[in-house]
Amino acid sequence: MNAHGLRNAARRRTDVKLLKTSFTVVCFFVMSWGPVSVVVIVESAGCSIPREVFTTVIYLMFSSSLVNPIVYGIMDPQFKVAFKRVLTYGRYGNDNINQSCTGTRQSTIAPQREDV
């Protein structure tokens, strides 16, 4: 009975974390795309929009793409681990070769010697 209660508690914590992450992503989406939608509707109604507003809207559209990885990186432990692994290893990630970018790939295993 106690193990069942522990599984339910773990499931609830996971659900709460997922809900917080989803809520944060939706809030950032609304904050970045809401003004864009308003500007498009106002412009389509025939009103003149200042250039500075268009510039701000463009930055908001691009910030939308930037925010999601940051939110997931802060709030999701699995994403955080994977993101750190990518940043640490770069394009290599294989522990069996020398990653010094000197142009030679040296194995960390000692080569076998041939007796002559």
Protein backbone atom coordinates (compact mmCIF):
# COMPACT_ATOMS: atom_id res chain seq x y z
CA MET A 1 0.00 0.00 0.00
CA ASN A 2 2.85 2.38 0.87
CA ALA A 3 4.65 1.73 -2.44
CA HIS A 4 1.46 2.61 -4.30
CA GLY A 5 1.24 5.90 -2.40
CA LEU A 6 4.88 6.72 -3.22
CA ARG A 7 4.26 6.09 -6.93
CA ASN A 8 1.22 8.37 -6.87
CA ALA A 9 3.20 11.09 -5.08
CA ALA A 10 6.00 10.81 -7.65
CA ARG A 11 3.46 10.94 -10.46
CA ARG A 12 1.85 14.06 -8.96
CA ARG A 13 5.24 15.79 -8.67
CA THR A 14 5.99 14.92 -12.29
CA ASP A 15 2.58 16.22 -13.37
CA VAL A 16 3.07 19.47 -11.44
CA LYS A 17 6.51 20.00 -13.01
CA LEU A 18 5.07 19.34 -16.46
CA LEU A 19 2.20 21.73 -15.79
CA LYS A 20 4.61 24.48 -14.64
CA THR A 21 6.79 24.03 -17.72
CA SER A 22 3.79 24.05 -20.05
CA PHE A 23 2.31 27.13 -18.36
CA THR A 24 5.64 28.97 -18.63
CA VAL A 25 6.00 28.11 -22.33
CA VAL A 26 2.43 29.25 -23.05
CA CYS A 27 2.96 32.52 -21.15
CA PHE A 28 6.13 33.31 -23.11
CA PHE A 29 4.35 32.41 -26.33
CA VAL A 30 1.49 34.80 -25.58
CA MET A 31 3.89 37.57 -24.51
CA SER A 32 5.94 37.29 -27.70
CA TRP A 33 3.20 36.58 -30.27
CA GLY A 34 0.33 38.58 -28.72
CA PRO A 35 1.73 41.98 -29.75
CA VAL A 36 2.49 40.60 -33.21
CA SER A 37 -1.13 39.57 -33.62
CA VAL A 38 -2.37 42.96 -32.42
CA VAL A 39 -0.10 44.83 -34.86
CA VAL A 40 -1.21 42.63 -37.77
CA ILE A 41 -4.89 43.16 -36.94
CA VAL A 42 -4.45 46.93 -36.51
CA GLU A 43 -2.53 47.19 -39.78
CA SER A 44 -5.08 45.11 -41.67
CA ALA A 45 -7.77 47.50 -40.41
CA GLY A 46 -5.97 50.28 -42.32
CA CYS A 47 -4.20 52.07 -39.46
CA SER A 48 -0.65 53.32 -39.83
CA ILE A 49 1.93 51.59 -37.63
CA PRO A 50 5.20 53.35 -36.71
CA ARG A 51 8.46 51.74 -37.85
CA GLU A 52 9.66 51.30 -34.25
CA VAL A 53 6.64 49.12 -33.51
CA PHE A 54 7.42 46.88 -36.49
CA THR A 55 11.03 46.60 -35.32
CA THR A 56 9.89 45.60 -31.84
CA VAL A 57 7.47 43.06 -33.29
CA ILE A 58 10.26 41.47 -35.34
CA TYR A 59 12.45 41.15 -32.25
CA LEU A 60 9.55 39.60 -30.33
CA MET A 61 9.01 37.02 -33.10
CA PHE A 62 12.68 35.98 -32.99
CA SER A 63 12.75 35.95 -29.19
CA SER A 64 9.99 33.36 -29.27
CA SER A 65 12.41 30.89 -30.84
CA LEU A 66 15.08 31.76 -28.30
CA VAL A 67 12.96 31.43 -25.17
CA ASN A 68 11.79 27.81 -25.46
CA PRO A 69 15.22 26.14 -25.14
CA ILE A 70 16.00 28.39 -22.18
CA VAL A 71 12.72 27.55 -20.44
CA TYR A 72 13.18 23.82 -21.00
CA GLY A 73 16.83 24.04 -19.97
CA ILE A 74 15.90 25.64 -16.67
CA MET A 75 12.78 23.63 -15.86
CA ASP A 76 13.29 20.13 -17.29
CA PRO A 77 16.08 18.06 -15.69
CA GLN A 78 16.35 15.61 -18.60
CA PHE A 79 16.62 18.45 -21.11
CA LYS A 80 19.18 20.15 -18.86
CA VAL A 81 21.39 17.04 -18.80
CA ALA A 82 21.14 16.56 -22.58
CA PHE A 83 21.82 20.26 -23.21
CA LYS A 84 24.92 20.18 -20.98
CA ARG A 85 26.14 17.05 -22.76
CA VAL A 86 25.82 18.75 -26.15
CA LEU A 87 27.60 21.90 -24.97
CA THR A 88 30.36 19.91 -23.25
CA TYR A 89 31.16 17.46 -26.01
CA GLY A 90 30.32 19.54 -29.04
CA ARG A 91 30.24 17.42 -32.17
CA TYR A 92 32.50 14.72 -30.79
CA GLY A 93 31.15 13.00 -27.71
CA ASN A 94 33.12 9.78 -28.09
CA ASP A 95 35.33 9.17 -25.07
CA ASN A 96 37.56 6.67 -26.90
CA ILE A 97 39.36 9.12 -29.17
CA ASN A 98 41.56 12.14 -28.64
CA GLN A 99 39.38 15.22 -29.18
CA SER A 100 42.14 17.81 -29.33
CA CYS A 101 41.30 18.89 -32.92
CA THR A 102 44.92 18.51 -33.99
CA GLY A 103 43.93 16.61 -37.08
CA THR A 104 45.00 13.21 -35.76
CA ARG A 105 42.67 10.75 -34.19
CA GLN A 106 44.50 8.81 -31.52
CA SER A 107 42.89 5.96 -29.66
CA THR A 108 43.08 5.94 -25.87
CA ILE A 109 43.74 2.22 -26.04
CA ALA A 110 47.43 1.39 -26.31
CA PRO A 111 48.32 -0.01 -29.75
CA GLN A 112 49.45 -3.61 -29.94
CA ARG A 113 53.14 -4.02 -30.67
CA GLU A 114 54.33 -6.35 -33.32
CA ASP A 115 57.55 -8.19 -32.57
CA VAL A 116 59.97 -7.98 -35.45
